[in-house]
Amino acid sequence: HDVSGVIAALGPDYNGPLRIGQDVVALLAPARGEGQAEY
């Protein structure tokens, strides 16, 4: 659930301030998880 990495791609409807290539940290929702993977 907790990951650190780089933004690789943005969905077609994303229009926020985040950009590809930024170093980020994320806490993934419990129902989804899937943080221990390359992407």
All heavy atoms as atom14 arrays in JSON, in Angstrom:
{
  "sequence": "HDVSGVIAALGPDYNGPLRIGQDVVALLAPARGEGQAEY",
  "atom14_mask": [
    [1, 1, 1, 1, 1, 1, 1, 1, 1, 1, 0, 0, 0, 0],
    [1, 1, 1, 1, 1, 1, 1, 1, 0, 0, 0, 0, 0, 0],
    [1, 1, 1, 1, 1, 1, 1, 0, 0, 0, 0, 0, 0, 0],
    [1, 1, 1, 1, 1, 1, 0, 0, 0, 0, 0, 0, 0, 0],
    [1, 1, 1, 1, 0, 0, 0, 0, 0, 0, 0, 0, 0, 0],
    [1, 1, 1, 1, 1, 1, 1, 0, 0, 0, 0, 0, 0, 0],
    [1, 1, 1, 1, 1, 1, 1, 1, 0, 0, 0, 0, 0, 0],
    [1, 1, 1, 1, 1, 0, 0, 0, 0, 0, 0, 0, 0, 0],
    [1, 1, 1, 1, 1, 0, 0, 0, 0, 0, 0, 0, 0, 0],
    [1, 1, 1, 1, 1, 1, 1, 1, 0, 0, 0, 0, 0, 0],
    [1, 1, 1, 1, 0, 0, 0, 0, 0, 0, 0, 0, 0, 0],
    [1, 1, 1, 1, 1, 1, 1, 0, 0, 0, 0, 0, 0, 0],
    [1, 1, 1, 1, 1, 1, 1, 1, 0, 0, 0, 0, 0, 0],
    [1, 1, 1, 1, 1, 1, 1, 1, 1, 1, 1, 1, 0, 0],
    [1, 1, 1, 1, 1, 1, 1, 1, 0, 0, 0, 0, 0, 0],
    [1, 1, 1, 1, 0, 0, 0, 0, 0, 0, 0, 0, 0, 0],
    [1, 1, 1, 1, 1, 1, 1, 0, 0, 0, 0, 0, 0, 0],
    [1, 1, 1, 1, 1, 1, 1, 1, 0, 0, 0, 0, 0, 0],
    [1, 1, 1, 1, 1, 1, 1, 1, 1, 1, 1, 0, 0, 0],
    [1, 1, 1, 1, 1, 1, 1, 1, 0, 0, 0, 0, 0, 0],
    [1, 1, 1, 1, 0, 0, 0, 0, 0, 0, 0, 0, 0, 0],
    [1, 1, 1, 1, 1, 1, 1, 1, 1, 0, 0, 0, 0, 0],
    [1, 1, 1, 1, 1, 1, 1, 1, 0, 0, 0, 0, 0, 0],
    [1, 1, 1, 1, 1, 1, 1, 0, 0, 0, 0, 0, 0, 0],
    [1, 1, 1, 1, 1, 1, 1, 0, 0, 0, 0, 0, 0, 0],
    [1, 1, 1, 1, 1, 0, 0, 0, 0, 0, 0, 0, 0, 0],
    [1, 1, 1, 1, 1, 1, 1, 1, 0, 0, 0, 0, 0, 0],
    [1, 1, 1, 1, 1, 1, 1, 1, 0, 0, 0, 0, 0, 0],
    [1, 1, 1, 1, 1, 0, 0, 0, 0, 0, 0, 0, 0, 0],
    [1, 1, 1, 1, 1, 1, 1, 0, 0, 0, 0, 0, 0, 0],
    [1, 1, 1, 1, 1, 0, 0, 0, 0, 0, 0, 0, 0, 0],
    [1, 1, 1, 1, 1, 1, 1, 1, 1, 1, 1, 0, 0, 0],
    [1, 1, 1, 1, 0, 0, 0, 0, 0, 0, 0, 0, 0, 0],
    [1, 1, 1, 1, 1, 1, 1, 1, 1, 0, 0, 0, 0, 0],
    [1, 1, 1, 1, 0, 0, 0, 0, 0, 0, 0, 0, 0, 0],
    [1, 1, 1, 1, 1, 1, 1, 1, 1, 0, 0, 0, 0, 0],
    [1, 1, 1, 1, 1, 0, 0, 0, 0, 0, 0, 0, 0, 0],
    [1, 1, 1, 1, 1, 1, 1, 1, 1, 0, 0, 0, 0, 0],
    [1, 1, 1, 1, 1, 1, 1, 1, 1, 1, 1, 1, 0, 0]
  ],
  "atom14_positions": [
    [[0.81, -1.22, 0.0], [0.0, 0.0, 0.0], [0.84, 1.27, 0.0], [0.35, 2.32, -0.4], [-0.93, 0.02, 1.22], [-1.91, -1.1, 1.22], [-3.1, -1.05, 0.54], [-1.88, -2.33, 1.81], [-3.76, -2.19, 0.71], [-3.04, -2.97, 1.47], [0.0, 0.0, 0.0], [0.0, 0.0, 0.0], [0.0, 0.0, 0.0], [0.0, 0.0, 0.0]],
    [[2.08, 1.21, 0.47], [2.89, 2.42, 0.49], [4.07, 2.27, -0.45], [4.86, 1.34, -0.35], [3.33, 2.81, 1.9], [3.62, 1.65, 2.82], [3.72, 0.5, 2.35], [3.77, 1.89, 4.02], [0.0, 0.0, 0.0], [0.0, 0.0, 0.0], [0.0, 0.0, 0.0], [0.0, 0.0, 0.0], [0.0, 0.0, 0.0], [0.0, 0.0, 0.0]],
    [[4.15, 3.21, -1.39], [5.15, 3.13, -2.46], [5.82, 4.48, -2.68], [5.27, 5.53, -2.37], [4.51, 2.65, -3.79], [3.84, 1.31, -3.63], [3.54, 3.68, -4.34], [0.0, 0.0, 0.0], [0.0, 0.0, 0.0], [0.0, 0.0, 0.0], [0.0, 0.0, 0.0], [0.0, 0.0, 0.0], [0.0, 0.0, 0.0], [0.0, 0.0, 0.0]],
    [[7.02, 4.4, -3.24], [7.72, 5.6, -3.69], [8.28, 5.31, -5.08], [8.8, 4.22, -5.33], [8.86, 5.95, -2.72], [9.5, 7.15, -3.11], [0.0, 0.0, 0.0], [0.0, 0.0, 0.0], [0.0, 0.0, 0.0], [0.0, 0.0, 0.0], [0.0, 0.0, 0.0], [0.0, 0.0, 0.0], [0.0, 0.0, 0.0], [0.0, 0.0, 0.0]],
    [[8.14, 6.28, -5.97], [8.61, 6.05, -7.33], [8.45, 7.28, -8.19], [8.46, 8.41, -7.7], [0.0, 0.0, 0.0], [0.0, 0.0, 0.0], [0.0, 0.0, 0.0], [0.0, 0.0, 0.0], [0.0, 0.0, 0.0], [0.0, 0.0, 0.0], [0.0, 0.0, 0.0], [0.0, 0.0, 0.0], [0.0, 0.0, 0.0], [0.0, 0.0, 0.0]],
    [[8.26, 7.06, -9.47], [8.22, 8.13, -10.46], [6.92, 8.01, -11.27], [6.53, 6.9, -11.66], [9.42, 8.04, -11.41], [9.39, 9.15, -12.45], [10.72, 8.09, -10.62], [0.0, 0.0, 0.0], [0.0, 0.0, 0.0], [0.0, 0.0, 0.0], [0.0, 0.0, 0.0], [0.0, 0.0, 0.0], [0.0, 0.0, 0.0], [0.0, 0.0, 0.0]],
    [[6.27, 9.14, -11.53], [5.07, 9.11, -12.35], [5.46, 8.72, -13.77], [6.27, 9.39, -14.42], [4.35, 10.47, -12.35], [3.85, 10.79, -10.93], [3.18, 10.47, -13.34], [3.17, 12.14, -10.82], [0.0, 0.0, 0.0], [0.0, 0.0, 0.0], [0.0, 0.0, 0.0], [0.0, 0.0, 0.0], [0.0, 0.0, 0.0], [0.0, 0.0, 0.0]],
    [[4.88, 7.6, -14.24], [5.22, 7.08, -15.57], [4.2, 7.48, -16.63], [4.55, 7.61, -17.81], [5.33, 5.56, -15.51], [0.0, 0.0, 0.0], [0.0, 0.0, 0.0], [0.0, 0.0, 0.0], [0.0, 0.0, 0.0], [0.0, 0.0, 0.0], [0.0, 0.0, 0.0], [0.0, 0.0, 0.0], [0.0, 0.0, 0.0], [0.0, 0.0, 0.0]],
    [[2.93, 7.64, -16.23], [1.89, 8.0, -17.19], [0.68, 8.55, -16.44], [0.48, 8.27, -15.25], [1.48, 6.78, -18.02], [0.0, 0.0, 0.0], [0.0, 0.0, 0.0], [0.0, 0.0, 0.0], [0.0, 0.0, 0.0], [0.0, 0.0, 0.0], [0.0, 0.0, 0.0], [0.0, 0.0, 0.0], [0.0, 0.0, 0.0], [0.0, 0.0, 0.0]],
    [[-0.11, 9.34, -17.15], [-1.33, 9.92, -16.59], [-2.52, 9.49, -17.43], [-2.43, 9.41, -18.66], [-1.24, 11.45, -16.57], [-0.08, 12.04, -15.75], [0.06, 13.53, -16.06], [-0.3, 11.81, -14.26], [0.0, 0.0, 0.0], [0.0, 0.0, 0.0], [0.0, 0.0, 0.0], [0.0, 0.0, 0.0], [0.0, 0.0, 0.0], [0.0, 0.0, 0.0]],
    [[-3.64, 9.19, -16.76], [-4.84, 8.82, -17.48], [-5.33, 9.95, -18.36], [-5.03, 11.13, -18.11], [0.0, 0.0, 0.0], [0.0, 0.0, 0.0], [0.0, 0.0, 0.0], [0.0, 0.0, 0.0], [0.0, 0.0, 0.0], [0.0, 0.0, 0.0], [0.0, 0.0, 0.0], [0.0, 0.0, 0.0], [0.0, 0.0, 0.0], [0.0, 0.0, 0.0]],
    [[-6.12, 9.64, -19.38], [-6.56, 10.67, -20.34], [-7.41, 11.77, -19.73], [-7.49, 12.87, -20.3], [-7.36, 9.86, -21.37], [-7.76, 8.59, -20.66], [-6.64, 8.3, -19.72], [0.0, 0.0, 0.0], [0.0, 0.0, 0.0], [0.0, 0.0, 0.0], [0.0, 0.0, 0.0], [0.0, 0.0, 0.0], [0.0, 0.0, 0.0], [0.0, 0.0, 0.0]],
    [[-8.04, 11.51, -18.59], [-8.9, 12.52, -17.99], [-8.23, 13.28, -16.84], [-8.87, 14.13, -16.2], [-10.19, 11.86, -17.46], [-11.01, 11.23, -18.56], [-10.92, 11.71, -19.71], [-11.71, 10.23, -18.29], [0.0, 0.0, 0.0], [0.0, 0.0, 0.0], [0.0, 0.0, 0.0], [0.0, 0.0, 0.0], [0.0, 0.0, 0.0], [0.0, 0.0, 0.0]],
    [[-6.96, 12.98, -16.56], [-6.29, 13.67, -15.46], [-5.92, 15.09, -15.89], [-5.31, 15.3, -16.95], [-5.03, 12.93, -15.02], [-4.31, 13.66, -13.9], [-4.76, 13.57, -12.59], [-3.21, 14.48, -14.17], [-4.13, 14.26, -11.57], [-2.58, 15.18, -13.16], [-3.05, 15.07, -11.86], [-2.44, 15.77, -10.84], [0.0, 0.0, 0.0], [0.0, 0.0, 0.0]],
    [[-6.27, 16.09, -15.06], [-5.96, 17.48, -15.4], [-5.41, 18.25, -14.2], [-5.56, 19.46, -14.1], [-7.2, 18.19, -15.96], [-8.36, 18.2, -14.97], [-8.22, 17.7, -13.84], [-9.49, 18.75, -15.38], [0.0, 0.0, 0.0], [0.0, 0.0, 0.0], [0.0, 0.0, 0.0], [0.0, 0.0, 0.0], [0.0, 0.0, 0.0], [0.0, 0.0, 0.0]],
    [[-4.79, 17.53, -13.27], [-4.24, 18.15, -12.08], [-2.8, 18.61, -12.27], [-2.27, 18.62, -13.38], [0.0, 0.0, 0.0], [0.0, 0.0, 0.0], [0.0, 0.0, 0.0], [0.0, 0.0, 0.0], [0.0, 0.0, 0.0], [0.0, 0.0, 0.0], [0.0, 0.0, 0.0], [0.0, 0.0, 0.0], [0.0, 0.0, 0.0], [0.0, 0.0, 0.0]],
    [[-2.14, 18.97, -11.16], [-0.79, 19.56, -11.24], [0.34, 18.54, -11.39], [1.46, 18.92, -11.7], [-0.67, 20.29, -9.9], [-1.53, 19.49, -8.96], [-2.69, 19.02, -9.8], [0.0, 0.0, 0.0], [0.0, 0.0, 0.0], [0.0, 0.0, 0.0], [0.0, 0.0, 0.0], [0.0, 0.0, 0.0], [0.0, 0.0, 0.0], [0.0, 0.0, 0.0]],
    [[0.08, 17.26, -11.15], [1.14, 16.26, -11.23], [1.59, 16.07, -12.66], [0.78, 16.17, -13.6], [0.67, 14.93, -10.63], [0.35, 14.96, -9.13], [-0.29, 13.64, -8.7], [1.61, 15.23, -8.3], [0.0, 0.0, 0.0], [0.0, 0.0, 0.0], [0.0, 0.0, 0.0], [0.0, 0.0, 0.0], [0.0, 0.0, 0.0], [0.0, 0.0, 0.0]],
    [[2.88, 15.76, -12.84], [3.46, 15.61, -14.17], [4.3, 14.35, -14.27], [4.88, 13.89, -13.28], [4.33, 16.84, -14.51], [3.57, 18.15, -14.59], [2.66, 18.18, -15.79], [1.88, 19.42, -15.89], [0.63, 19.54, -15.48], [-0.02, 18.5, -14.93], [-0.01, 20.69, -15.59], [0.0, 0.0, 0.0], [0.0, 0.0, 0.0], [0.0, 0.0, 0.0]],
    [[4.38, 13.81, -15.48], [5.22, 12.65, -15.74], [6.67, 12.98, -15.37], [7.17, 14.06, -15.68], [5.11, 12.21, -17.21], [3.71, 11.66, -17.5], [6.17, 11.16, -17.56], [3.45, 11.37, -18.96], [0.0, 0.0, 0.0], [0.0, 0.0, 0.0], [0.0, 0.0, 0.0], [0.0, 0.0, 0.0], [0.0, 0.0, 0.0], [0.0, 0.0, 0.0]],
    [[7.33, 12.04, -14.68], [8.72, 12.22, -14.29], [8.91, 12.71, -12.87], [10.05, 12.7, -12.37], [0.0, 0.0, 0.0], [0.0, 0.0, 0.0], [0.0, 0.0, 0.0], [0.0, 0.0, 0.0], [0.0, 0.0, 0.0], [0.0, 0.0, 0.0], [0.0, 0.0, 0.0], [0.0, 0.0, 0.0], [0.0, 0.0, 0.0], [0.0, 0.0, 0.0]],
    [[7.84, 13.15, -12.2], [7.98, 13.62, -10.82], [8.16, 12.45, -9.86], [7.55, 11.39, -10.01], [6.75, 14.43, -10.4], [6.66, 15.8, -11.05], [5.44, 16.58, -10.58], [4.33, 16.05, -10.56], [5.66, 17.82, -10.19], [0.0, 0.0, 0.0], [0.0, 0.0, 0.0], [0.0, 0.0, 0.0], [0.0, 0.0, 0.0], [0.0, 0.0, 0.0]],
    [[9.02, 12.67, -8.84], [9.18, 11.69, -7.77], [8.04, 11.84, -6.77], [7.81, 12.95, -6.26], [10.52, 11.91, -7.04], [11.71, 11.51, -7.88], [11.55, 10.69, -8.8], [12.82, 12.02, -7.61], [0.0, 0.0, 0.0], [0.0, 0.0, 0.0], [0.0, 0.0, 0.0], [0.0, 0.0, 0.0], [0.0, 0.0, 0.0], [0.0, 0.0, 0.0]],
    [[7.34, 10.77, -6.49], [6.16, 10.83, -5.63], [6.13, 9.68, -4.64], [6.83, 8.67, -4.8], [4.86, 10.81, -6.46], [4.71, 12.09, -7.28], [4.81, 9.58, -7.36], [0.0, 0.0, 0.0], [0.0, 0.0, 0.0], [0.0, 0.0, 0.0], [0.0, 0.0, 0.0], [0.0, 0.0, 0.0], [0.0, 0.0, 0.0], [0.0, 0.0, 0.0]],
    [[5.31, 9.87, -3.62], [5.02, 8.85, -2.62], [3.51, 8.66, -2.61], [2.77, 9.63, -2.78], [5.5, 9.29, -1.23], [5.31, 8.17, -0.21], [6.96, 9.72, -1.28], [0.0, 0.0, 0.0], [0.0, 0.0, 0.0], [0.0, 0.0, 0.0], [0.0, 0.0, 0.0], [0.0, 0.0, 0.0], [0.0, 0.0, 0.0], [0.0, 0.0, 0.0]],
    [[3.05, 7.43, -2.43], [1.61, 7.2, -2.44], [1.21, 6.19, -1.37], [1.97, 5.27, -1.05], [1.16, 6.7, -3.81], [0.0, 0.0, 0.0], [0.0, 0.0, 0.0], [0.0, 0.0, 0.0], [0.0, 0.0, 0.0], [0.0, 0.0, 0.0], [0.0, 0.0, 0.0], [0.0, 0.0, 0.0], [0.0, 0.0, 0.0], [0.0, 0.0, 0.0]],
    [[0.01, 6.39, -0.85], [-0.63, 5.43, 0.05], [-1.86, 4.92, -0.67], [-2.85, 5.64, -0.84], [-1.0, 6.08, 1.38], [-1.77, 5.19, 2.37], [-0.96, 3.95, 2.7], [-2.1, 5.96, 3.64], [0.0, 0.0, 0.0], [0.0, 0.0, 0.0], [0.0, 0.0, 0.0], [0.0, 0.0, 0.0], [0.0, 0.0, 0.0], [0.0, 0.0, 0.0]],
    [[-1.82, 3.69, -1.13], [-2.89, 3.12, -1.95], [-4.04, 2.62, -1.09], [-3.84, 2.11, 0.02], [-2.33, 1.97, -2.79], [-1.08, 2.3, -3.61], [-0.59, 1.06, -4.35], [-1.37, 3.43, -4.59], [0.0, 0.0, 0.0], [0.0, 0.0, 0.0], [0.0, 0.0, 0.0], [0.0, 0.0, 0.0], [0.0, 0.0, 0.0], [0.0, 0.0, 0.0]],
    [[-5.25, 2.75, -1.6], [-6.45, 2.35, -0.87], [-6.39, 0.88, -0.51], [-5.87, 0.05, -1.27], [-7.69, 2.64, -1.72], [0.0, 0.0, 0.0], [0.0, 0.0, 0.0], [0.0, 0.0, 0.0], [0.0, 0.0, 0.0], [0.0, 0.0, 0.0], [0.0, 0.0, 0.0], [0.0, 0.0, 0.0], [0.0, 0.0, 0.0], [0.0, 0.0, 0.0]],
    [[-6.96, 0.51, 0.65], [-6.86, -0.87, 1.13], [-7.51, -1.88, 0.21], [-7.05, -3.01, 0.09], [-7.55, -0.83, 2.49], [-8.42, 0.38, 2.45], [-7.7, 1.36, 1.6], [0.0, 0.0, 0.0], [0.0, 0.0, 0.0], [0.0, 0.0, 0.0], [0.0, 0.0, 0.0], [0.0, 0.0, 0.0], [0.0, 0.0, 0.0], [0.0, 0.0, 0.0]],
    [[-8.58, -1.49, -0.46], [-9.29, -2.45, -1.31], [-8.53, -2.75, -2.59], [-8.8, -3.75, -3.25], [-10.68, -1.9, -1.66], [0.0, 0.0, 0.0], [0.0, 0.0, 0.0], [0.0, 0.0, 0.0], [0.0, 0.0, 0.0], [0.0, 0.0, 0.0], [0.0, 0.0, 0.0], [0.0, 0.0, 0.0], [0.0, 0.0, 0.0], [0.0, 0.0, 0.0]],
    [[-7.55, -1.88, -2.93], [-6.84, -2.06, -4.19], [-5.4, -2.53, -3.97], [-4.98, -3.54, -4.52], [-6.85, -0.75, -4.97], [-6.37, -0.9, -6.4], [-6.57, 0.38, -7.2], [-5.66, 1.45, -6.79], [-6.02, 2.47, -6.03], [-7.26, 2.6, -5.62], [-5.16, 3.41, -5.7], [0.0, 0.0, 0.0], [0.0, 0.0, 0.0], [0.0, 0.0, 0.0]],
    [[-4.62, -1.81, -3.17], [-3.25, -2.23, -2.92], [-2.45, -2.33, -4.19], [-2.39, -1.42, -5.0], [0.0, 0.0, 0.0], [0.0, 0.0, 0.0], [0.0, 0.0, 0.0], [0.0, 0.0, 0.0], [0.0, 0.0, 0.0], [0.0, 0.0, 0.0], [0.0, 0.0, 0.0], [0.0, 0.0, 0.0], [0.0, 0.0, 0.0], [0.0, 0.0, 0.0]],
    [[-1.79, -3.47, -4.37], [-1.01, -3.78, -5.58], [0.2, -2.87, -5.74], [0.63, -2.56, -6.84], [-1.89, -3.74, -6.83], [-3.03, -4.76, -6.77], [-3.85, -4.81, -8.05], [-4.03, -3.75, -8.7], [-4.31, -5.9, -8.42], [0.0, 0.0, 0.0], [0.0, 0.0, 0.0], [0.0, 0.0, 0.0], [0.0, 0.0, 0.0], [0.0, 0.0, 0.0]],
    [[0.79, -2.46, -4.61], [1.94, -1.56, -4.66], [3.28, -2.26, -4.81], [4.27, -1.62, -5.17], [0.0, 0.0, 0.0], [0.0, 0.0, 0.0], [0.0, 0.0, 0.0], [0.0, 0.0, 0.0], [0.0, 0.0, 0.0], [0.0, 0.0, 0.0], [0.0, 0.0, 0.0], [0.0, 0.0, 0.0], [0.0, 0.0, 0.0], [0.0, 0.0, 0.0]],
    [[3.34, -3.56, -4.54], [4.62, -4.26, -4.65], [4.77, -4.86, -6.05], [4.75, -6.07, -6.26], [4.75, -5.32, -3.57], [5.08, -4.67, -2.23], [5.45, -5.66, -1.17], [5.86, -6.77, -1.43], [5.27, -5.24, 0.08], [0.0, 0.0, 0.0], [0.0, 0.0, 0.0], [0.0, 0.0, 0.0], [0.0, 0.0, 0.0], [0.0, 0.0, 0.0]],
    [[4.91, -3.95, -6.99], [5.06, -4.31, -8.4], [5.85, -3.21, -9.08], [5.98, -2.1, -8.54], [3.69, -4.47, -9.05], [0.0, 0.0, 0.0], [0.0, 0.0, 0.0], [0.0, 0.0, 0.0], [0.0, 0.0, 0.0], [0.0, 0.0, 0.0], [0.0, 0.0, 0.0], [0.0, 0.0, 0.0], [0.0, 0.0, 0.0], [0.0, 0.0, 0.0]],
    [[6.38, -3.5, -10.26], [7.16, -2.49, -10.98], [6.31, -1.27, -11.34], [6.82, -0.15, -11.4], [7.75, -3.09, -12.24], [8.95, -3.99, -12.01], [9.58, -4.42, -13.31], [9.0, -5.31, -13.98], [10.65, -3.87, -13.66], [0.0, 0.0, 0.0], [0.0, 0.0, 0.0], [0.0, 0.0, 0.0], [0.0, 0.0, 0.0], [0.0, 0.0, 0.0]],
    [[5.02, -1.49, -11.59], [4.11, -0.41, -11.9], [2.83, -0.6, -11.1], [2.36, -1.73, -10.91], [3.77, -0.37, -13.39], [4.94, 0.03, -14.25], [5.83, -0.92, -14.73], [5.18, 1.37, -14.56], [6.92, -0.55, -15.51], [6.25, 1.74, -15.35], [7.13, 0.78, -15.81], [8.21, 1.15, -16.57], [0.0, 0.0, 0.0], [0.0, 0.0, 0.0]]
  ]
}
